N, C-alpha and C. Protein backbone atom coordinates (compact mmCIF):
# COMPACT_ATOMS: atom_id res chain seq x y z
N MET A 1 -8.29 -5.54 -15.98
CA MET A 1 -7.54 -4.85 -14.84
C MET A 1 -6.15 -5.13 -15.61
N ALA A 2 -5.52 -4.11 -15.00
CA ALA A 2 -4.01 -4.14 -15.43
C ALA A 2 -2.94 -3.89 -14.24
N TYR A 3 -1.83 -4.31 -14.15
CA TYR A 3 -0.75 -4.26 -13.32
C TYR A 3 0.35 -3.50 -14.27
N ARG A 4 0.76 -2.45 -13.82
CA ARG A 4 1.86 -1.69 -14.50
C ARG A 4 2.51 -0.82 -13.74
N ASN A 5 3.97 -0.73 -13.99
CA ASN A 5 4.98 -0.08 -12.97
C ASN A 5 4.57 -0.08 -11.14
N GLY A 6 4.14 -1.25 -11.04
CA GLY A 6 3.82 -1.59 -9.45
C GLY A 6 2.66 -1.21 -9.13
N GLN A 7 1.77 -0.70 -10.04
CA GLN A 7 0.35 -0.38 -9.74
C GLN A 7 -0.76 -1.11 -10.20
N VAL A 8 -1.69 -1.36 -9.54
CA VAL A 8 -3.02 -1.91 -10.24
C VAL A 8 -3.88 -0.95 -10.97
N GLU A 9 -4.37 -1.17 -11.99
CA GLU A 9 -5.52 -0.19 -12.44
C GLU A 9 -6.54 -0.92 -12.90
N PRO A 10 -7.89 -0.58 -12.65
CA PRO A 10 -8.05 0.34 -11.72
C PRO A 10 -7.78 -0.19 -10.16
N ALA A 11 -7.42 0.96 -9.23
CA ALA A 11 -7.07 0.42 -7.89
C ALA A 11 -8.32 0.17 -7.05
N ASN A 12 -8.20 -0.88 -6.11
CA ASN A 12 -9.20 -1.05 -5.44
C ASN A 12 -10.57 -1.27 -5.61
N LEU A 13 -10.48 -2.08 -6.86
CA LEU A 13 -11.67 -2.54 -7.37
C LEU A 13 -12.38 -3.43 -6.93
N VAL A 14 -13.85 -3.51 -6.73
CA VAL A 14 -14.76 -4.37 -6.12
C VAL A 14 -15.86 -4.57 -6.86
N ILE A 15 -16.13 -6.11 -7.29
CA ILE A 15 -17.22 -6.45 -8.20
C ILE A 15 -18.20 -7.35 -7.23
N ALA A 16 -19.46 -7.45 -7.93
CA ALA A 16 -20.26 -8.21 -7.35
C ALA A 16 -20.48 -9.42 -8.20
N GLY A 17 -20.59 -10.44 -7.51
CA GLY A 17 -20.84 -12.01 -8.07
C GLY A 17 -21.88 -12.66 -7.61
N LYS A 18 -22.47 -13.69 -8.20
CA LYS A 18 -23.49 -14.47 -7.91
C LYS A 18 -23.07 -15.85 -8.03
N VAL A 19 -23.47 -16.72 -6.77
CA VAL A 19 -23.12 -18.14 -6.68
C VAL A 19 -23.81 -18.67 -7.96
N GLY A 20 -22.87 -19.60 -8.47
CA GLY A 20 -23.14 -20.30 -9.80
C GLY A 20 -23.16 -19.54 -11.28
N GLN A 21 -22.89 -18.23 -11.01
CA GLN A 21 -22.98 -17.47 -12.21
C GLN A 21 -21.22 -17.08 -12.69
N PRO A 22 -20.83 -17.70 -13.67
CA PRO A 22 -19.31 -17.62 -14.20
C PRO A 22 -19.10 -15.93 -14.20
N LEU A 23 -17.79 -15.62 -13.91
CA LEU A 23 -17.23 -14.42 -13.99
C LEU A 23 -15.88 -14.68 -14.86
N GLN A 24 -15.64 -13.56 -15.56
CA GLN A 24 -14.36 -13.49 -16.56
C GLN A 24 -13.82 -12.35 -16.25
N VAL A 25 -12.53 -12.65 -15.97
CA VAL A 25 -11.67 -11.22 -15.52
C VAL A 25 -10.60 -11.08 -16.76
N ASN A 26 -10.40 -10.09 -17.32
CA ASN A 26 -9.20 -9.90 -18.04
C ASN A 26 -8.13 -9.23 -17.61
N VAL A 27 -6.81 -9.84 -17.36
CA VAL A 27 -5.80 -9.51 -16.50
C VAL A 27 -4.63 -9.15 -17.61
N SER A 28 -3.80 -8.05 -17.49
CA SER A 28 -2.62 -7.66 -18.31
C SER A 28 -1.55 -7.25 -17.18
N SER A 29 -0.41 -7.61 -17.57
CA SER A 29 0.71 -7.41 -16.43
C SER A 29 1.94 -7.05 -17.23
N ASP A 30 2.80 -5.99 -16.90
CA ASP A 30 3.88 -5.73 -17.52
C ASP A 30 5.10 -6.75 -17.14
N ARG A 31 4.75 -7.62 -16.30
CA ARG A 31 5.89 -8.74 -15.92
C ARG A 31 5.01 -10.03 -15.79
N PRO A 32 5.71 -11.14 -15.72
CA PRO A 32 5.32 -12.50 -15.86
C PRO A 32 4.83 -12.65 -14.33
N ASP A 33 3.69 -13.27 -14.17
CA ASP A 33 3.21 -13.43 -12.72
C ASP A 33 2.17 -14.71 -12.68
N ASP A 34 2.01 -15.04 -11.45
CA ASP A 34 0.80 -16.11 -11.27
C ASP A 34 -0.40 -15.38 -10.85
N ILE A 35 -1.63 -15.80 -11.49
CA ILE A 35 -2.81 -15.12 -11.00
C ILE A 35 -3.47 -16.05 -9.96
N VAL A 36 -3.77 -15.57 -8.73
CA VAL A 36 -4.34 -16.50 -7.91
C VAL A 36 -5.52 -16.05 -7.44
N VAL A 37 -6.41 -17.13 -7.31
CA VAL A 37 -7.93 -16.72 -6.92
C VAL A 37 -8.00 -17.39 -5.61
N ASP A 38 -8.14 -16.60 -4.51
CA ASP A 38 -8.03 -17.01 -3.30
C ASP A 38 -9.34 -17.86 -3.03
N GLY A 39 -9.11 -19.24 -2.46
CA GLY A 39 -10.43 -20.24 -2.15
C GLY A 39 -10.73 -20.87 -3.49
N TYR A 40 -10.07 -20.58 -4.56
CA TYR A 40 -10.57 -21.47 -5.66
C TYR A 40 -9.21 -21.81 -6.51
N PRO A 41 -8.34 -22.76 -5.88
CA PRO A 41 -7.14 -22.97 -6.77
C PRO A 41 -7.33 -23.35 -8.12
N ASP A 42 -8.38 -24.19 -8.73
CA ASP A 42 -8.63 -24.68 -9.87
C ASP A 42 -8.64 -23.41 -10.85
N ALA A 43 -8.81 -22.17 -10.34
CA ALA A 43 -9.06 -20.99 -11.19
C ALA A 43 -7.67 -20.34 -11.45
N ASN A 44 -6.59 -20.67 -10.84
CA ASN A 44 -5.41 -20.06 -10.96
C ASN A 44 -4.80 -19.80 -12.41
N ALA A 45 -4.08 -19.04 -12.89
CA ALA A 45 -3.60 -19.02 -14.03
C ALA A 45 -2.22 -18.34 -14.03
N ASP A 46 -1.64 -18.13 -15.31
CA ASP A 46 -0.22 -17.56 -15.53
C ASP A 46 -0.66 -16.16 -16.36
N VAL A 47 -0.07 -15.10 -16.18
CA VAL A 47 -0.10 -13.94 -17.15
C VAL A 47 1.32 -13.59 -17.57
N ASP A 48 1.50 -13.11 -18.67
CA ASP A 48 2.71 -12.78 -19.50
C ASP A 48 2.66 -11.56 -20.06
N PRO A 49 3.76 -10.75 -20.09
CA PRO A 49 3.55 -9.40 -20.64
C PRO A 49 3.08 -9.36 -22.02
N THR A 50 3.36 -10.36 -22.99
CA THR A 50 3.16 -10.22 -24.29
C THR A 50 1.39 -10.55 -24.37
N GLU A 51 0.92 -11.32 -23.49
CA GLU A 51 -0.65 -11.63 -23.70
C GLU A 51 -1.28 -11.54 -22.66
N PRO A 52 -2.60 -10.89 -22.41
CA PRO A 52 -3.66 -10.64 -21.34
C PRO A 52 -3.94 -11.93 -21.11
N GLU A 53 -4.43 -12.24 -20.08
CA GLU A 53 -5.21 -13.51 -19.60
C GLU A 53 -6.43 -13.50 -19.24
N ASP A 54 -7.38 -14.08 -19.92
CA ASP A 54 -8.73 -14.24 -19.44
C ASP A 54 -9.01 -15.39 -18.49
N LEU A 55 -9.24 -14.95 -17.25
CA LEU A 55 -9.46 -15.76 -16.21
C LEU A 55 -10.88 -16.23 -15.95
N ASP A 56 -11.41 -17.36 -15.74
CA ASP A 56 -12.76 -17.49 -15.50
C ASP A 56 -13.01 -18.53 -14.23
N VAL A 57 -13.74 -17.87 -13.51
CA VAL A 57 -14.21 -18.40 -12.03
C VAL A 57 -15.84 -18.43 -11.91
N THR A 58 -16.14 -19.52 -11.50
CA THR A 58 -17.59 -19.58 -11.01
C THR A 58 -17.73 -19.75 -9.46
N PRO A 59 -18.19 -18.75 -8.62
CA PRO A 59 -18.27 -18.66 -7.34
C PRO A 59 -19.29 -19.78 -6.86
N ASN A 60 -18.73 -20.54 -5.89
CA ASN A 60 -19.71 -21.88 -5.38
C ASN A 60 -20.27 -21.37 -4.05
N ARG A 61 -19.98 -20.42 -3.62
CA ARG A 61 -20.33 -20.00 -2.17
C ARG A 61 -20.57 -18.47 -1.98
N THR A 62 -21.32 -17.97 -1.21
CA THR A 62 -21.43 -16.55 -0.71
C THR A 62 -20.28 -16.22 0.21
N GLY A 63 -19.86 -14.83 0.01
CA GLY A 63 -18.78 -14.41 0.69
C GLY A 63 -17.87 -13.50 -0.27
N THR A 64 -16.75 -13.30 0.13
CA THR A 64 -15.80 -12.59 -0.44
C THR A 64 -14.42 -13.23 -0.82
N PHE A 65 -13.97 -13.06 -1.88
CA PHE A 65 -12.56 -13.51 -2.26
C PHE A 65 -11.96 -12.48 -3.35
N THR A 66 -10.51 -12.74 -3.51
CA THR A 66 -9.79 -11.73 -3.99
C THR A 66 -9.07 -12.63 -5.09
N ILE A 67 -8.71 -11.69 -6.18
CA ILE A 67 -8.01 -12.18 -7.37
C ILE A 67 -6.72 -11.34 -7.23
N ARG A 68 -5.53 -11.82 -7.30
CA ARG A 68 -4.30 -11.30 -7.04
C ARG A 68 -3.23 -11.67 -7.74
N LEU A 69 -2.10 -11.08 -7.88
CA LEU A 69 -0.69 -11.23 -8.66
C LEU A 69 0.05 -11.74 -7.34
N ALA A 70 0.40 -13.01 -7.41
CA ALA A 70 1.14 -13.73 -6.48
C ALA A 70 2.66 -13.11 -6.32
N GLY A 71 3.28 -13.03 -7.23
CA GLY A 71 4.77 -12.53 -7.29
C GLY A 71 4.73 -11.14 -6.70
N ALA A 72 3.87 -10.21 -7.19
CA ALA A 72 3.93 -8.92 -7.16
C ALA A 72 3.14 -8.56 -5.95
N ASN A 73 2.48 -9.56 -5.26
CA ASN A 73 1.73 -9.36 -4.00
C ASN A 73 0.72 -8.15 -4.16
N ALA A 74 0.05 -8.15 -5.27
CA ALA A 74 -0.90 -7.12 -5.57
C ALA A 74 -2.41 -7.84 -5.74
N THR A 75 -3.33 -7.24 -5.09
CA THR A 75 -4.76 -7.50 -5.12
C THR A 75 -5.22 -6.80 -6.51
N LEU A 76 -5.78 -7.57 -7.40
CA LEU A 76 -6.28 -7.06 -8.53
C LEU A 76 -7.86 -6.58 -8.30
N VAL A 77 -8.44 -7.56 -7.88
CA VAL A 77 -9.88 -7.16 -7.59
C VAL A 77 -10.39 -7.90 -6.43
N THR A 78 -11.47 -7.54 -5.74
CA THR A 78 -12.17 -8.20 -4.66
C THR A 78 -13.63 -8.59 -5.26
N VAL A 79 -14.10 -9.57 -5.05
CA VAL A 79 -15.35 -10.21 -5.47
C VAL A 79 -16.30 -10.42 -4.29
N GLU A 80 -17.27 -9.75 -4.25
CA GLU A 80 -18.38 -10.01 -3.25
C GLU A 80 -19.43 -10.76 -3.79
N VAL A 81 -19.64 -12.16 -3.31
CA VAL A 81 -20.59 -12.94 -3.91
C VAL A 81 -21.88 -13.07 -3.06
N SER A 82 -22.96 -12.97 -3.64
CA SER A 82 -24.33 -13.13 -2.90
C SER A 82 -24.88 -14.16 -3.46
């Protein structure tokens, strides 16, 4: 997924995950920012315009969480975990 010119591409992305199954998300941005995984502070990372970031998170409970850019206040993806 990408953040460019103030927009997330693809917009409103929702993906499915499973408890205990690792997820890898590739994030690129046209500005430096902090990637925040709500509910999983150990999975947070930084992204830089010169290099996309591969973010790994393993859900440990069912429910929904978001991955977002903190500075841009933009949701990149919503993960629904079963």
